[in-house]
Amino acid sequence: MDRLLPVLVLAVVFLAALGLMVLGWRLRGRRQSGLPAPDRRSELADLGEETEVGPVDAIYVDTVLADRPLERVVAHGLGARSTARVSRGDGGSWRILRQGAPSLTIPAAAVLDVASAPGMAGKFVGGDGLLVIRWRLGDQDLDTGLRLGARADHDLLLSRKEHP
């Protein structure tokens, strides 16, 4: 009986923390709702491109506001981590086919840069383990992080950043 009260208090504190996390996620999504929905075209061919590289296995880490690696974008499903298949078109567009989350296509005109980074919200691997695509959605610059399944794929996609 003397342990029941502390256990109940701990359970209430745990549930309150969980509730606050859910509330925070929803409020962040509401704040970011002005961000336009990303391109959902199903294939690079819809953009008039053939696949140059891929599809390769990856983990979609998340999308964050550019230059703010801890400010995750949750609107339009961009904040959900998932496994993915990534392709790059011969014109410079990117297709990220996500499992269990909305897929997206980043048109070549929206791509600002492709670089490596040690991490971002949700995943820190050190070194240059993440492939980060900086792109423009509406009037907002975003960084989308991918952890490629094979280092050779990472290096290949990174080497293509200068080629349209």
C-alpha atoms as a PDB file:
ATOM      1  CA  MET A   1       0.000   0.000   0.000  1.00  0.00           C
ATOM      2  CA  ASP A   2       2.855   2.384   0.781  1.00  0.00           C
ATOM      3  CA  ARG A   3       4.202   1.847  -2.780  1.00  0.00           C
ATOM      4  CA  LEU A   4       0.903   2.390  -4.550  1.00  0.00           C
ATOM      5  CA  LEU A   5       0.904   6.171  -4.241  1.00  0.00           C
ATOM      6  CA  PRO A   6       4.421   6.694  -5.696  1.00  0.00           C
ATOM      7  CA  VAL A   7       3.628   4.310  -8.573  1.00  0.00           C
ATOM      8  CA  LEU A   8       0.408   6.194  -9.349  1.00  0.00           C
ATOM      9  CA  VAL A   9       2.215   9.549  -9.209  1.00  0.00           C
ATOM     10  CA  LEU A  10       4.907   8.239 -11.540  1.00  0.00           C
ATOM     11  CA  ALA A  11       2.273   6.907 -13.958  1.00  0.00           C
ATOM     12  CA  VAL A  12       0.463  10.255 -13.988  1.00  0.00           C
ATOM     13  CA  VAL A  13       3.741  12.140 -14.593  1.00  0.00           C
ATOM     14  CA  PHE A  14       4.628   9.747 -17.441  1.00  0.00           C
ATOM     15  CA  LEU A  15       1.218  10.128 -19.086  1.00  0.00           C
ATOM     16  CA  ALA A  16       1.359  13.923 -18.689  1.00  0.00           C
ATOM     17  CA  ALA A  17       4.804  14.026 -20.359  1.00  0.00           C
ATOM     18  CA  LEU A  18       3.525  11.842 -23.199  1.00  0.00           C
ATOM     19  CA  GLY A  19       0.492  14.099 -23.628  1.00  0.00           C
ATOM     20  CA  LEU A  20       2.680  17.214 -23.735  1.00  0.00           C
ATOM     21  CA  MET A  21       4.890  15.646 -26.417  1.00  0.00           C
ATOM     22  CA  VAL A  22       1.859  14.870 -28.586  1.00  0.00           C
ATOM     23  CA  LEU A  23       0.523  18.390 -28.032  1.00  0.00           C
ATOM     24  CA  GLY A  24       3.894  19.900 -28.984  1.00  0.00           C
ATOM     25  CA  TRP A  25       4.032  17.838 -32.182  1.00  0.00           C
ATOM     26  CA  ARG A  26       0.523  18.957 -33.169  1.00  0.00           C
ATOM     27  CA  LEU A  27       1.196  22.617 -32.369  1.00  0.00           C
ATOM     28  CA  ARG A  28       4.393  22.532 -34.427  1.00  0.00           C
ATOM     29  CA  GLY A  29       2.443  21.063 -37.323  1.00  0.00           C
ATOM     30  CA  ARG A  30      -0.151  23.813 -36.984  1.00  0.00           C
ATOM     31  CA  ARG A  31       2.562  26.515 -36.951  1.00  0.00           C
ATOM     32  CA  GLN A  32       4.077  25.020 -40.102  1.00  0.00           C
ATOM     33  CA  SER A  33       0.762  24.499 -41.900  1.00  0.00           C
ATOM     34  CA  GLY A  34       1.446  27.552 -44.091  1.00  0.00           C
ATOM     35  CA  LEU A  35       4.240  25.606 -45.763  1.00  0.00           C
ATOM     36  CA  PRO A  36       3.007  24.311 -49.137  1.00  0.00           C
ATOM     37  CA  ALA A  37       2.720  20.560 -49.618  1.00  0.00           C
ATOM     38  CA  PRO A  38       5.763  19.026 -51.320  1.00  0.00           C
ATOM     39  CA  ASP A  39       5.587  17.581 -54.819  1.00  0.00           C
ATOM     40  CA  ARG A  40       4.053  14.092 -54.675  1.00  0.00           C
ATOM     41  CA  ARG A  41       4.589  13.036 -58.296  1.00  0.00           C
ATOM     42  CA  SER A  42       4.967   9.324 -58.390  1.00  0.00           C
ATOM     43  CA  GLU A  43       7.909   9.005 -60.785  1.00  0.00           C
ATOM     44  CA  LEU A  44      10.861  11.002 -62.050  1.00  0.00           C
ATOM     45  CA  ALA A  45       9.455  10.371 -65.527  1.00  0.00           C
ATOM     46  CA  ASP A  46       6.576  12.681 -64.554  1.00  0.00           C
ATOM     47  CA  LEU A  47       9.217  15.429 -64.472  1.00  0.00           C
ATOM     48  CA  GLY A  48      10.571  14.371 -67.870  1.00  0.00           C
ATOM     49  CA  GLU A  49      13.635  12.664 -66.409  1.00  0.00           C
ATOM     50  CA  GLU A  50      15.133   9.212 -66.551  1.00  0.00           C
ATOM     51  CA  THR A  51      16.632   7.684 -63.411  1.00  0.00           C
ATOM     52  CA  GLU A  52      20.365   8.377 -63.317  1.00  0.00           C
ATOM     53  CA  VAL A  53      21.120   6.803 -59.923  1.00  0.00           C
ATOM     54  CA  GLY A  54      19.003   4.420 -57.921  1.00  0.00           C
ATOM     55  CA  PRO A  55      16.791   3.450 -56.476  1.00  0.00           C
ATOM     56  CA  VAL A  56      19.049   2.837 -53.487  1.00  0.00           C
ATOM     57  CA  ASP A  57      18.124   1.891 -49.924  1.00  0.00           C
ATOM     58  CA  ALA A  58      18.162   4.649 -47.335  1.00  0.00           C
ATOM     59  CA  ILE A  59      16.674   5.833 -44.106  1.00  0.00           C
ATOM     60  CA  TYR A  60      14.777   9.090 -44.421  1.00  0.00           C
ATOM     61  CA  VAL A  61      15.874  10.831 -41.232  1.00  0.00           C
ATOM     62  CA  ASP A  62      13.727  13.950 -41.456  1.00  0.00           C
ATOM     63  CA  THR A  63      13.366  17.395 -42.940  1.00  0.00           C
ATOM     64  CA  VAL A  64      14.413  20.472 -40.973  1.00  0.00           C
ATOM     65  CA  LEU A  65      14.473  24.205 -41.585  1.00  0.00           C
ATOM     66  CA  ALA A  66      17.713  25.093 -43.358  1.00  0.00           C
ATOM     67  CA  ASP A  67      20.536  26.202 -41.047  1.00  0.00           C
ATOM     68  CA  ARG A  68      18.463  25.039 -38.050  1.00  0.00           C
ATOM     69  CA  PRO A  69      19.267  21.318 -37.736  1.00  0.00           C
ATOM     70  CA  LEU A  70      17.109  20.847 -34.633  1.00  0.00           C
ATOM     71  CA  GLU A  71      13.938  22.510 -36.011  1.00  0.00           C
ATOM     72  CA  ARG A  72      12.118  19.527 -37.500  1.00  0.00           C
ATOM     73  CA  VAL A  73       9.394  20.155 -40.087  1.00  0.00           C
ATOM     74  CA  VAL A  74       6.368  18.036 -39.180  1.00  0.00           C
ATOM     75  CA  ALA A  75       3.826  19.498 -41.617  1.00  0.00           C
ATOM     76  CA  HIS A  76       2.751  17.257 -44.520  1.00  0.00           C
ATOM     77  CA  GLY A  77       4.365  14.187 -42.935  1.00  0.00           C
ATOM     78  CA  LEU A  78       7.923  15.460 -43.440  1.00  0.00           C
ATOM     79  CA  GLY A  79       8.881  14.817 -39.813  1.00  0.00           C
ATOM     80  CA  ALA A  80       8.291  11.071 -39.807  1.00  0.00           C
ATOM     81  CA  ARG A  81      11.401   8.902 -39.950  1.00  0.00           C
ATOM     82  CA  SER A  82      11.060   5.974 -42.347  1.00  0.00           C
ATOM     83  CA  THR A  83      12.888   3.561 -44.583  1.00  0.00           C
ATOM     84  CA  ALA A  84      13.071   4.752 -48.155  1.00  0.00           C
ATOM     85  CA  ARG A  85      14.239   4.115 -51.703  1.00  0.00           C
ATOM     86  CA  VAL A  86      16.030   7.115 -53.195  1.00  0.00           C
ATOM     87  CA  SER A  87      16.504   7.884 -56.881  1.00  0.00           C
ATOM     88  CA  ARG A  88      18.129  10.794 -58.663  1.00  0.00           C
ATOM     89  CA  GLY A  89      17.034  11.790 -62.143  1.00  0.00           C
ATOM     90  CA  ASP A  90      19.330  12.740 -64.986  1.00  0.00           C
ATOM     91  CA  GLY A  91      18.044  16.332 -64.741  1.00  0.00           C
ATOM     92  CA  GLY A  92      18.847  16.675 -61.027  1.00  0.00           C
ATOM     93  CA  SER A  93      15.480  15.846 -59.445  1.00  0.00           C
ATOM     94  CA  TRP A  94      15.203  13.522 -56.445  1.00  0.00           C
ATOM     95  CA  ARG A  95      12.520  10.909 -55.745  1.00  0.00           C
ATOM     96  CA  ILE A  96      12.207   9.676 -52.165  1.00  0.00           C
ATOM     97  CA  LEU A  97       9.832   6.731 -51.953  1.00  0.00           C
ATOM     98  CA  ARG A  98       9.071   6.319 -48.242  1.00  0.00           C
ATOM     99  CA  GLN A  99       7.522   3.295 -46.546  1.00  0.00           C
ATOM    100  CA  GLY A 100       4.726   4.112 -44.120  1.00  0.00           C
ATOM    101  CA  ALA A 101       4.906   7.857 -44.812  1.00  0.00           C
ATOM    102  CA  PRO A 102       4.126  10.144 -47.758  1.00  0.00           C
ATOM    103  CA  SER A 103       6.716   9.955 -50.541  1.00  0.00           C
ATOM    104  CA  LEU A 104       8.042  13.097 -52.156  1.00  0.00           C
ATOM    105  CA  THR A 105       9.754  14.335 -55.269  1.00  0.00           C
ATOM    106  CA  ILE A 106      12.149  17.272 -55.170  1.00  0.00           C
ATOM    107  CA  PRO A 107      12.293  18.926 -58.623  1.00  0.00           C
ATOM    108  CA  ALA A 108      15.739  19.920 -59.879  1.00  0.00           C
ATOM    109  CA  ALA A 109      14.747  23.601 -59.883  1.00  0.00           C
ATOM    110  CA  ALA A 110      14.104  23.416 -56.129  1.00  0.00           C
ATOM    111  CA  VAL A 111      17.449  21.761 -55.233  1.00  0.00           C
ATOM    112  CA  LEU A 112      19.908  24.298 -53.831  1.00  0.00           C
ATOM    113  CA  ASP A 113      22.723  22.013 -52.660  1.00  0.00           C
ATOM    114  CA  VAL A 114      23.639  18.451 -51.777  1.00  0.00           C
ATOM    115  CA  ALA A 115      26.164  17.919 -49.001  1.00  0.00           C
ATOM    116  CA  SER A 116      27.207  15.625 -46.169  1.00  0.00           C
ATOM    117  CA  ALA A 117      26.564  16.364 -42.517  1.00  0.00           C
ATOM    118  CA  PRO A 118      27.223  14.691 -39.176  1.00  0.00           C
ATOM    119  CA  GLY A 119      23.575  14.828 -38.183  1.00  0.00           C
ATOM    120  CA  MET A 120      20.299  16.633 -37.749  1.00  0.00           C
ATOM    121  CA  ALA A 121      17.221  16.348 -35.539  1.00  0.00           C
ATOM    122  CA  GLY A 122      16.568  12.675 -34.998  1.00  0.00           C
ATOM    123  CA  LYS A 123      19.932  11.258 -36.082  1.00  0.00           C
ATOM    124  CA  PHE A 124      23.537  12.106 -35.291  1.00  0.00           C
ATOM    125  CA  VAL A 125      26.106   9.742 -36.758  1.00  0.00           C
ATOM    126  CA  GLY A 126      29.236  11.889 -36.740  1.00  0.00           C
ATOM    127  CA  GLY A 127      31.636  12.483 -39.590  1.00  0.00           C
ATOM    128  CA  ASP A 128      29.759  12.965 -42.831  1.00  0.00           C
ATOM    129  CA  GLY A 129      27.308  10.098 -42.467  1.00  0.00           C
ATOM    130  CA  LEU A 130      24.151  11.877 -43.650  1.00  0.00           C
ATOM    131  CA  LEU A 131      23.412  13.000 -47.179  1.00  0.00           C
ATOM    132  CA  VAL A 132      21.583  16.323 -46.901  1.00  0.00           C
ATOM    133  CA  ILE A 133      19.567  17.791 -49.760  1.00  0.00           C
ATOM    134  CA  ARG A 134      18.945  21.523 -49.345  1.00  0.00           C
ATOM    135  CA  TRP A 135      15.896  22.579 -51.300  1.00  0.00           C
ATOM    136  CA  ARG A 136      13.290  25.296 -51.506  1.00  0.00           C
ATOM    137  CA  LEU A 137       9.635  24.672 -50.732  1.00  0.00           C
ATOM    138  CA  GLY A 138       7.584  27.806 -51.298  1.00  0.00           C
ATOM    139  CA  ASP A 139       9.657  30.586 -49.718  1.00  0.00           C
ATOM    140  CA  GLN A 140      11.321  28.317 -47.132  1.00  0.00           C
ATOM    141  CA  ASP A 141      14.694  26.571 -47.494  1.00  0.00           C
ATOM    142  CA  LEU A 142      14.678  23.027 -46.095  1.00  0.00           C
ATOM    143  CA  ASP A 143      17.273  20.331 -45.441  1.00  0.00           C
ATOM    144  CA  THR A 144      16.250  16.712 -45.959  1.00  0.00           C
ATOM    145  CA  GLY A 145      18.563  14.145 -44.399  1.00  0.00           C
ATOM    146  CA  LEU A 146      19.116  10.642 -45.702  1.00  0.00           C
ATOM    147  CA  ARG A 147      21.256   7.875 -44.249  1.00  0.00           C
ATOM    148  CA  LEU A 148      22.194   5.729 -47.249  1.00  0.00           C
ATOM    149  CA  GLY A 149      22.456   1.972 -46.816  1.00  0.00           C
ATOM    150  CA  ALA A 150      25.873   1.788 -48.488  1.00  0.00           C
ATOM    151  CA  ARG A 151      28.727   4.279 -48.360  1.00  0.00           C
ATOM    152  CA  ALA A 152      29.306   3.807 -52.098  1.00  0.00           C
ATOM    153  CA  ASP A 153      25.742   5.033 -52.765  1.00  0.00           C
ATOM    154  CA  HIS A 154      26.330   8.047 -50.510  1.00  0.00           C
ATOM    155  CA  ASP A 155      29.522   8.949 -52.364  1.00  0.00           C
ATOM    156  CA  LEU A 156      27.922   8.396 -55.782  1.00  0.00           C
ATOM    157  CA  LEU A 157      24.922  10.627 -55.040  1.00  0.00           C
ATOM    158  CA  LEU A 158      27.147  13.265 -53.471  1.00  0.00           C
ATOM    159  CA  SER A 159      29.423  13.278 -56.538  1.00  0.00           C
ATOM    160  CA  ARG A 160      26.414  13.995 -58.764  1.00  0.00           C
ATOM    161  CA  LYS A 161      25.556  17.268 -57.029  1.00  0.00           C
ATOM    162  CA  GLU A 162      27.367  19.349 -59.651  1.00  0.00           C
ATOM    163  CA  HIS A 163      25.785  17.555 -62.587  1.00  0.00           C
ATOM    164  CA  PRO A 164      22.313  18.453 -63.789  1.00  0.00           C
END
